[in-house]
Each structure stands twice: as C-alpha cells, then as structure tokens.
Amino acid sequence: MVDGTFAGDILNTPSGWPTATIAKDESTKRIYLSFGILGDTNNDGVVDAADYITVKRHMGQGVGSAGASAGDFDLDGDVDWDDLQILIGAMGAGGNGGGTIPEPATLGLLALGALAVVRRRNRR
C-alpha cells in the first residue's frame, strides 16, 4: 500500500519539463501520476502563442539542458522541426488558447447591422 507524500526527486523529471505530481483519489483508492502539457514552455497550463514564440526564438539553436522550457520537447539538445511539430500538435491544449472566434453567420449579421446604422445616418 502506498500512502503519504513523495519527495520531488523520486519523480526525477527532466530539466525544463512540466512538474510531475502524484495525487491519491480516496474514493477509488487509486494513485495518479500527472505531468504538465507537452508543448507548454512557460508552465501556464495552456499551449498557446507564447509557447510558439519561445520555440521560434530558439529555433535552430542548441539549448543544452534547458529542455522544454526553451522549446526542446524531444530533449535532443536543440530546437528543430520535430519540436515544432510537437508544439503544433499540442496547440490549444489545456484550455482556451485565446479568445473565441465568432461564426461567419454572426459576422455577416454584424456587418448588416453596421450597414443599416451607416445608411440611416446618411439619410438624415
């Protein structure tokens, strides 16, 4: 039976990778090991444009032991095409990666409404 807390060094996650956490669900008596999102360079819980900028900034460079925090998701020591593909595959993971985009029909209705307002002002 496993009970209690674990020291962080037991999990031994690579430098720059999201922190691993262990949680116990009392109702199911299960223990869960979870990591942050691969592609999230700044550990904010979302893979978004900020993470893309980090990868873009380090593209083609060796990053040594900086790891995922510099965009080296495959831990091969540099930021390259493979790392970009990992980022693109995870884009938007972890939450709403930005504002919502309205449907084209909604944009059309807004345009018609604006046109009606402009036309009404021109008649006066």
N, C-alpha and C. Protein backbone atom coordinates (compact mmCIF):
# COMPACT_ATOMS: atom_id res chain seq x y z
N MET A 1 0.85 -1.18 0.00
CA MET A 1 0.00 0.00 0.00
C MET A 1 0.89 1.24 0.00
N VAL A 2 0.54 2.20 -0.83
CA VAL A 2 1.28 3.45 -0.92
C VAL A 2 0.45 4.52 -0.25
N ASP A 3 1.08 5.25 0.63
CA ASP A 3 0.36 6.30 1.34
C ASP A 3 1.35 7.42 1.67
N GLY A 4 0.83 8.62 1.81
CA GLY A 4 1.67 9.74 2.21
C GLY A 4 2.12 10.58 1.03
N THR A 5 3.21 11.28 1.22
CA THR A 5 3.72 12.16 0.19
C THR A 5 5.04 11.64 -0.34
N PHE A 6 5.42 12.12 -1.52
CA PHE A 6 6.65 11.71 -2.15
C PHE A 6 7.56 12.91 -2.33
N ALA A 7 8.84 12.70 -2.17
CA ALA A 7 9.81 13.76 -2.42
C ALA A 7 9.89 14.00 -3.92
N GLY A 8 10.13 15.23 -4.33
CA GLY A 8 10.19 15.59 -5.73
C GLY A 8 11.27 14.86 -6.51
N ASP A 9 12.37 14.50 -5.84
CA ASP A 9 13.46 13.85 -6.56
C ASP A 9 13.14 12.41 -6.93
N ILE A 10 12.13 11.81 -6.34
CA ILE A 10 11.75 10.44 -6.70
C ILE A 10 11.22 10.41 -8.14
N LEU A 11 10.50 11.47 -8.54
CA LEU A 11 9.91 11.50 -9.87
C LEU A 11 10.96 11.78 -10.95
N ASN A 12 12.00 12.53 -10.61
CA ASN A 12 13.14 12.76 -11.49
C ASN A 12 12.74 13.22 -12.90
N THR A 13 11.97 14.28 -13.01
CA THR A 13 11.57 14.79 -14.32
C THR A 13 12.73 15.57 -14.93
N PRO A 14 12.89 15.52 -16.25
CA PRO A 14 13.98 16.24 -16.91
C PRO A 14 13.87 17.74 -16.68
N SER A 15 15.00 18.40 -16.69
CA SER A 15 15.06 19.84 -16.50
C SER A 15 14.23 20.55 -17.57
N GLY A 16 13.41 21.50 -17.16
CA GLY A 16 12.61 22.26 -18.09
C GLY A 16 11.27 21.64 -18.42
N TRP A 17 11.04 20.40 -18.02
CA TRP A 17 9.76 19.75 -18.30
C TRP A 17 8.76 20.14 -17.22
N PRO A 18 7.47 20.07 -17.54
CA PRO A 18 6.47 20.39 -16.53
C PRO A 18 6.62 19.49 -15.32
N THR A 19 6.29 20.03 -14.18
CA THR A 19 6.44 19.32 -12.92
C THR A 19 5.48 18.13 -12.85
N ALA A 20 6.00 17.03 -12.38
CA ALA A 20 5.18 15.84 -12.18
C ALA A 20 4.55 15.91 -10.79
N THR A 21 3.31 15.49 -10.70
CA THR A 21 2.63 15.48 -9.42
C THR A 21 1.97 14.11 -9.20
N ILE A 22 1.88 13.73 -7.95
CA ILE A 22 1.23 12.49 -7.58
C ILE A 22 0.02 12.84 -6.73
N ALA A 23 -1.11 12.27 -7.08
CA ALA A 23 -2.34 12.53 -6.33
C ALA A 23 -3.03 11.20 -6.02
N LYS A 24 -3.66 11.14 -4.88
CA LYS A 24 -4.39 9.94 -4.47
C LYS A 24 -5.87 10.27 -4.41
N ASP A 25 -6.67 9.46 -5.08
CA ASP A 25 -8.12 9.62 -5.06
C ASP A 25 -8.66 8.69 -3.98
N GLU A 26 -9.13 9.27 -2.89
CA GLU A 26 -9.60 8.48 -1.75
C GLU A 26 -10.82 7.64 -2.09
N SER A 27 -11.68 8.14 -2.97
CA SER A 27 -12.91 7.40 -3.27
C SER A 27 -12.64 6.13 -4.07
N THR A 28 -11.65 6.17 -4.96
CA THR A 28 -11.34 4.99 -5.78
C THR A 28 -10.12 4.24 -5.29
N LYS A 29 -9.41 4.83 -4.33
CA LYS A 29 -8.17 4.25 -3.79
C LYS A 29 -7.11 4.07 -4.89
N ARG A 30 -7.07 5.02 -5.84
CA ARG A 30 -6.08 4.98 -6.91
C ARG A 30 -5.10 6.14 -6.76
N ILE A 31 -3.91 5.92 -7.25
CA ILE A 31 -2.88 6.94 -7.24
C ILE A 31 -2.62 7.35 -8.69
N TYR A 32 -2.57 8.65 -8.93
CA TYR A 32 -2.39 9.18 -10.27
C TYR A 32 -1.08 9.96 -10.36
N LEU A 33 -0.35 9.72 -11.41
CA LEU A 33 0.85 10.47 -11.72
C LEU A 33 0.53 11.33 -12.93
N SER A 34 0.68 12.63 -12.80
CA SER A 34 0.36 13.50 -13.92
C SER A 34 1.48 14.50 -14.16
N PHE A 35 1.63 14.87 -15.41
CA PHE A 35 2.62 15.83 -15.82
C PHE A 35 1.91 17.01 -16.45
N GLY A 36 2.61 18.09 -16.61
CA GLY A 36 2.05 19.23 -17.33
C GLY A 36 1.88 18.87 -18.80
N ILE A 37 1.53 19.82 -19.61
CA ILE A 37 1.25 19.60 -21.02
C ILE A 37 2.53 19.73 -21.82
N LEU A 38 2.84 18.73 -22.63
CA LEU A 38 4.00 18.80 -23.50
C LEU A 38 3.73 19.87 -24.55
N GLY A 39 4.61 20.82 -24.68
CA GLY A 39 4.43 21.96 -25.57
C GLY A 39 4.23 23.25 -24.81
N ASP A 40 4.00 23.15 -23.50
CA ASP A 40 3.79 24.33 -22.66
C ASP A 40 5.13 24.77 -22.08
N THR A 41 5.79 25.71 -22.75
CA THR A 41 7.14 26.12 -22.35
C THR A 41 7.18 26.95 -21.08
N ASN A 42 6.09 27.66 -20.77
CA ASN A 42 6.09 28.55 -19.61
C ASN A 42 5.26 28.03 -18.44
N ASN A 43 4.80 26.80 -18.53
CA ASN A 43 4.03 26.15 -17.45
C ASN A 43 2.81 26.94 -16.99
N ASP A 44 2.11 27.58 -17.95
CA ASP A 44 0.89 28.28 -17.59
C ASP A 44 -0.36 27.42 -17.79
N GLY A 45 -0.17 26.17 -18.19
CA GLY A 45 -1.29 25.25 -18.33
C GLY A 45 -1.97 25.29 -19.68
N VAL A 46 -1.46 26.09 -20.62
CA VAL A 46 -2.05 26.22 -21.95
C VAL A 46 -0.93 26.26 -22.98
N VAL A 47 -1.10 25.55 -24.08
CA VAL A 47 -0.16 25.64 -25.19
C VAL A 47 -0.72 26.69 -26.14
N ASP A 48 -0.04 27.83 -26.23
CA ASP A 48 -0.57 28.96 -26.98
C ASP A 48 0.53 29.72 -27.71
N ALA A 49 0.23 30.93 -28.13
CA ALA A 49 1.18 31.74 -28.91
C ALA A 49 2.46 32.05 -28.13
N ALA A 50 2.36 32.20 -26.83
CA ALA A 50 3.57 32.48 -26.03
C ALA A 50 4.55 31.32 -26.14
N ASP A 51 4.04 30.10 -26.17
CA ASP A 51 4.91 28.93 -26.31
C ASP A 51 5.50 28.87 -27.71
N TYR A 52 4.71 29.24 -28.71
CA TYR A 52 5.21 29.28 -30.08
C TYR A 52 6.36 30.29 -30.20
N ILE A 53 6.21 31.44 -29.57
CA ILE A 53 7.25 32.47 -29.63
C ILE A 53 8.55 31.95 -29.01
N THR A 54 8.45 31.20 -27.92
CA THR A 54 9.64 30.62 -27.30
C THR A 54 10.33 29.65 -28.26
N VAL A 55 9.54 28.80 -28.91
CA VAL A 55 10.12 27.85 -29.87
C VAL A 55 10.74 28.61 -31.04
N LYS A 56 10.03 29.62 -31.54
CA LYS A 56 10.54 30.41 -32.67
C LYS A 56 11.86 31.09 -32.30
N ARG A 57 11.94 31.62 -31.09
CA ARG A 57 13.13 32.32 -30.63
C ARG A 57 14.35 31.39 -30.55
N HIS A 58 14.13 30.12 -30.25
CA HIS A 58 15.23 29.17 -30.08
C HIS A 58 15.42 28.25 -31.29
N MET A 59 14.59 28.40 -32.33
CA MET A 59 14.66 27.51 -33.49
C MET A 59 16.07 27.49 -34.09
N GLY A 60 16.59 26.29 -34.31
CA GLY A 60 17.90 26.13 -34.91
C GLY A 60 19.06 26.26 -33.94
N GLN A 61 18.76 26.48 -32.68
CA GLN A 61 19.81 26.67 -31.69
C GLN A 61 19.93 25.45 -30.78
N GLY A 62 21.13 25.21 -30.32
CA GLY A 62 21.32 24.21 -29.27
C GLY A 62 20.95 24.84 -27.95
N VAL A 63 20.20 24.14 -27.15
CA VAL A 63 19.75 24.71 -25.87
C VAL A 63 20.30 23.94 -24.68
N GLY A 64 21.11 22.93 -24.93
CA GLY A 64 21.73 22.18 -23.85
C GLY A 64 20.72 21.57 -22.91
N SER A 65 20.84 21.86 -21.65
CA SER A 65 19.97 21.26 -20.64
C SER A 65 18.72 22.09 -20.35
N ALA A 66 18.47 23.15 -21.12
CA ALA A 66 17.30 23.99 -20.88
C ALA A 66 16.00 23.21 -21.08
N GLY A 67 16.02 22.21 -21.96
CA GLY A 67 14.87 21.33 -22.13
C GLY A 67 13.64 22.01 -22.68
N ALA A 68 12.49 21.55 -22.21
CA ALA A 68 11.20 22.01 -22.74
C ALA A 68 10.95 23.49 -22.49
N SER A 69 11.56 24.07 -21.47
CA SER A 69 11.34 25.49 -21.20
C SER A 69 11.90 26.36 -22.32
N ALA A 70 12.84 25.82 -23.13
CA ALA A 70 13.38 26.54 -24.29
C ALA A 70 12.78 26.03 -25.60
N GLY A 71 11.90 25.03 -25.52
CA GLY A 71 11.26 24.51 -26.72
C GLY A 71 11.83 23.19 -27.20
N ASP A 72 12.75 22.59 -26.47
CA ASP A 72 13.32 21.30 -26.85
C ASP A 72 12.48 20.19 -26.22
N PHE A 73 11.35 19.87 -26.86
CA PHE A 73 10.41 18.90 -26.29
C PHE A 73 10.88 17.46 -26.41
N ASP A 74 11.71 17.17 -27.41
CA ASP A 74 12.20 15.79 -27.56
C ASP A 74 13.55 15.58 -26.88
N LEU A 75 14.04 16.59 -26.18
CA LEU A 75 15.27 16.54 -25.38
C LEU A 75 16.48 16.02 -26.15
N ASP A 76 16.62 16.47 -27.42
CA ASP A 76 17.80 16.09 -28.19
C ASP A 76 18.87 17.17 -28.20
N GLY A 77 18.66 18.23 -27.40
CA GLY A 77 19.68 19.27 -27.24
C GLY A 77 19.54 20.46 -28.16
N ASP A 78 18.56 20.43 -29.08
CA ASP A 78 18.33 21.58 -29.95
C ASP A 78 16.84 21.73 -30.24
N VAL A 79 16.49 22.91 -30.71
CA VAL A 79 15.10 23.17 -31.09
C VAL A 79 15.03 23.10 -32.61
N ASP A 80 14.26 22.15 -33.11
CA ASP A 80 14.21 21.92 -34.55
C ASP A 80 12.79 21.59 -35.00
N TRP A 81 12.68 21.09 -36.23
CA TRP A 81 11.39 20.78 -36.84
C TRP A 81 10.57 19.82 -35.98
N ASP A 82 11.21 18.82 -35.40
CA ASP A 82 10.49 17.85 -34.57
C ASP A 82 9.83 18.52 -33.37
N ASP A 83 10.52 19.46 -32.77
CA ASP A 83 9.97 20.18 -31.62
C ASP A 83 8.79 21.05 -32.05
N LEU A 84 8.92 21.68 -33.22
CA LEU A 84 7.82 22.50 -33.74
C LEU A 84 6.59 21.64 -34.00
N GLN A 85 6.77 20.44 -34.52
CA GLN A 85 5.64 19.55 -34.77
C GLN A 85 4.96 19.13 -33.47
N ILE A 86 5.74 18.91 -32.43
CA ILE A 86 5.16 18.58 -31.12
C ILE A 86 4.33 19.75 -30.62
N LEU A 87 4.85 20.96 -30.77
CA LEU A 87 4.13 22.16 -30.34
C LEU A 87 2.83 22.33 -31.12
N ILE A 88 2.90 22.18 -32.44
CA ILE A 88 1.70 22.35 -33.27
C ILE A 88 0.65 21.31 -32.91
N GLY A 89 1.09 20.08 -32.65
CA GLY A 89 0.15 19.02 -32.27
C GLY A 89 -0.55 19.29 -30.95
N ALA A 90 0.10 20.04 -30.07
CA ALA A 90 -0.47 20.33 -28.75
C ALA A 90 -1.13 21.69 -28.68
N MET A 91 -1.08 22.47 -29.75
CA MET A 91 -1.60 23.84 -29.73
C MET A 91 -3.05 23.87 -29.27
N GLY A 92 -3.31 24.72 -28.30
CA GLY A 92 -4.66 24.86 -27.75
C GLY A 92 -4.95 23.90 -26.61
N ALA A 93 -4.04 22.97 -26.32
CA ALA A 93 -4.26 22.01 -25.25
C ALA A 93 -4.24 22.72 -23.89
N GLY A 94 -5.05 22.23 -23.00
CA GLY A 94 -5.01 22.72 -21.63
C GLY A 94 -5.98 23.83 -21.33
N GLY A 95 -6.68 24.33 -22.28
CA GLY A 95 -7.62 25.40 -22.02
C GLY A 95 -7.92 26.16 -23.28
N ASN A 96 -8.59 27.25 -23.10
CA ASN A 96 -8.94 28.08 -24.25
C ASN A 96 -7.69 28.83 -24.67
N GLY A 97 -7.16 28.52 -25.83
CA GLY A 97 -5.92 29.11 -26.29
C GLY A 97 -6.06 30.53 -26.77
N GLY A 98 -7.06 31.22 -26.39
CA GLY A 98 -7.26 32.60 -26.80
C GLY A 98 -8.74 32.91 -26.78
N GLY A 99 -9.10 34.00 -27.42
CA GLY A 99 -10.49 34.37 -27.50
C GLY A 99 -11.26 33.47 -28.43
N THR A 100 -12.56 33.50 -28.30
CA THR A 100 -13.38 32.69 -29.19
C THR A 100 -13.55 33.41 -30.52
N ILE A 101 -13.73 32.63 -31.56
CA ILE A 101 -13.90 33.19 -32.90
C ILE A 101 -15.37 33.06 -33.28
N PRO A 102 -16.02 34.16 -33.63
CA PRO A 102 -17.44 34.06 -33.97
C PRO A 102 -17.64 33.32 -35.29
N GLU A 103 -18.82 32.73 -35.44
CA GLU A 103 -19.16 32.04 -36.68
C GLU A 103 -19.30 33.05 -37.81
N PRO A 104 -19.10 32.61 -39.06
CA PRO A 104 -19.25 33.52 -40.19
C PRO A 104 -20.64 34.15 -40.27
N ALA A 105 -21.67 33.41 -39.90
CA ALA A 105 -23.03 33.95 -39.94
C ALA A 105 -23.17 35.12 -38.97
N THR A 106 -22.54 35.01 -37.82
CA THR A 106 -22.59 36.09 -36.84
C THR A 106 -21.88 37.33 -37.37
N LEU A 107 -20.75 37.13 -38.01
CA LEU A 107 -20.02 38.26 -38.60
C LEU A 107 -20.86 38.93 -39.69
N GLY A 108 -21.58 38.13 -40.48
CA GLY A 108 -22.45 38.68 -41.52
C GLY A 108 -23.57 39.53 -40.92
N LEU A 109 -24.17 39.06 -39.84
CA LEU A 109 -25.24 39.82 -39.17
C LEU A 109 -24.71 41.13 -38.61
N LEU A 110 -23.51 41.08 -38.04
CA LEU A 110 -22.91 42.31 -37.52
C LEU A 110 -22.65 43.31 -38.64
N ALA A 111 -22.18 42.81 -39.79
CA ALA A 111 -21.92 43.68 -40.93
C ALA A 111 -23.20 44.31 -41.44
N LEU A 112 -24.28 43.53 -41.53
CA LEU A 112 -25.57 44.07 -41.96
C LEU A 112 -26.08 45.13 -40.99
N GLY A 113 -25.93 44.89 -39.70
CA GLY A 113 -26.35 45.86 -38.70
C GLY A 113 -25.56 47.16 -38.82
N ALA A 114 -24.26 47.05 -39.02
CA ALA A 114 -23.43 48.24 -39.17
C ALA A 114 -23.81 49.01 -40.43
N LEU A 115 -24.08 48.28 -41.51
CA LEU A 115 -24.51 48.92 -42.75
C LEU A 115 -25.81 49.67 -42.58
N ALA A 116 -26.76 49.08 -41.84
CA ALA A 116 -28.04 49.74 -41.59
C ALA A 116 -27.85 51.03 -40.79
N VAL A 117 -26.95 51.01 -39.81
CA VAL A 117 -26.69 52.21 -39.00
C VAL A 117 -26.07 53.31 -39.86
N VAL A 118 -25.10 52.94 -40.68
CA VAL A 118 -24.45 53.92 -41.55
C VAL A 118 -25.44 54.50 -42.54
N ARG A 119 -26.27 53.66 -43.12
CA ARG A 119 -27.27 54.11 -44.10
C ARG A 119 -28.29 55.05 -43.46
N ARG A 120 -28.72 54.73 -42.24
CA ARG A 120 -29.68 55.57 -41.54
C ARG A 120 -29.10 56.96 -41.25
N ARG A 121 -27.81 57.02 -40.88
CA ARG A 121 -27.17 58.31 -40.60
C ARG A 121 -27.05 59.13 -41.88
N ASN A 122 -26.81 58.48 -43.01
CA ASN A 122 -26.67 59.19 -44.29
C ASN A 122 -27.99 59.81 -44.74
N ARG A 123 -29.12 59.21 -44.38
CA ARG A 123 -30.43 59.72 -44.78
C ARG A 123 -30.77 61.01 -44.03
N ARG A 124 -30.23 61.18 -42.86
CA ARG A 124 -30.57 62.36 -42.05
C ARG A 124 -29.82 63.50 -42.50
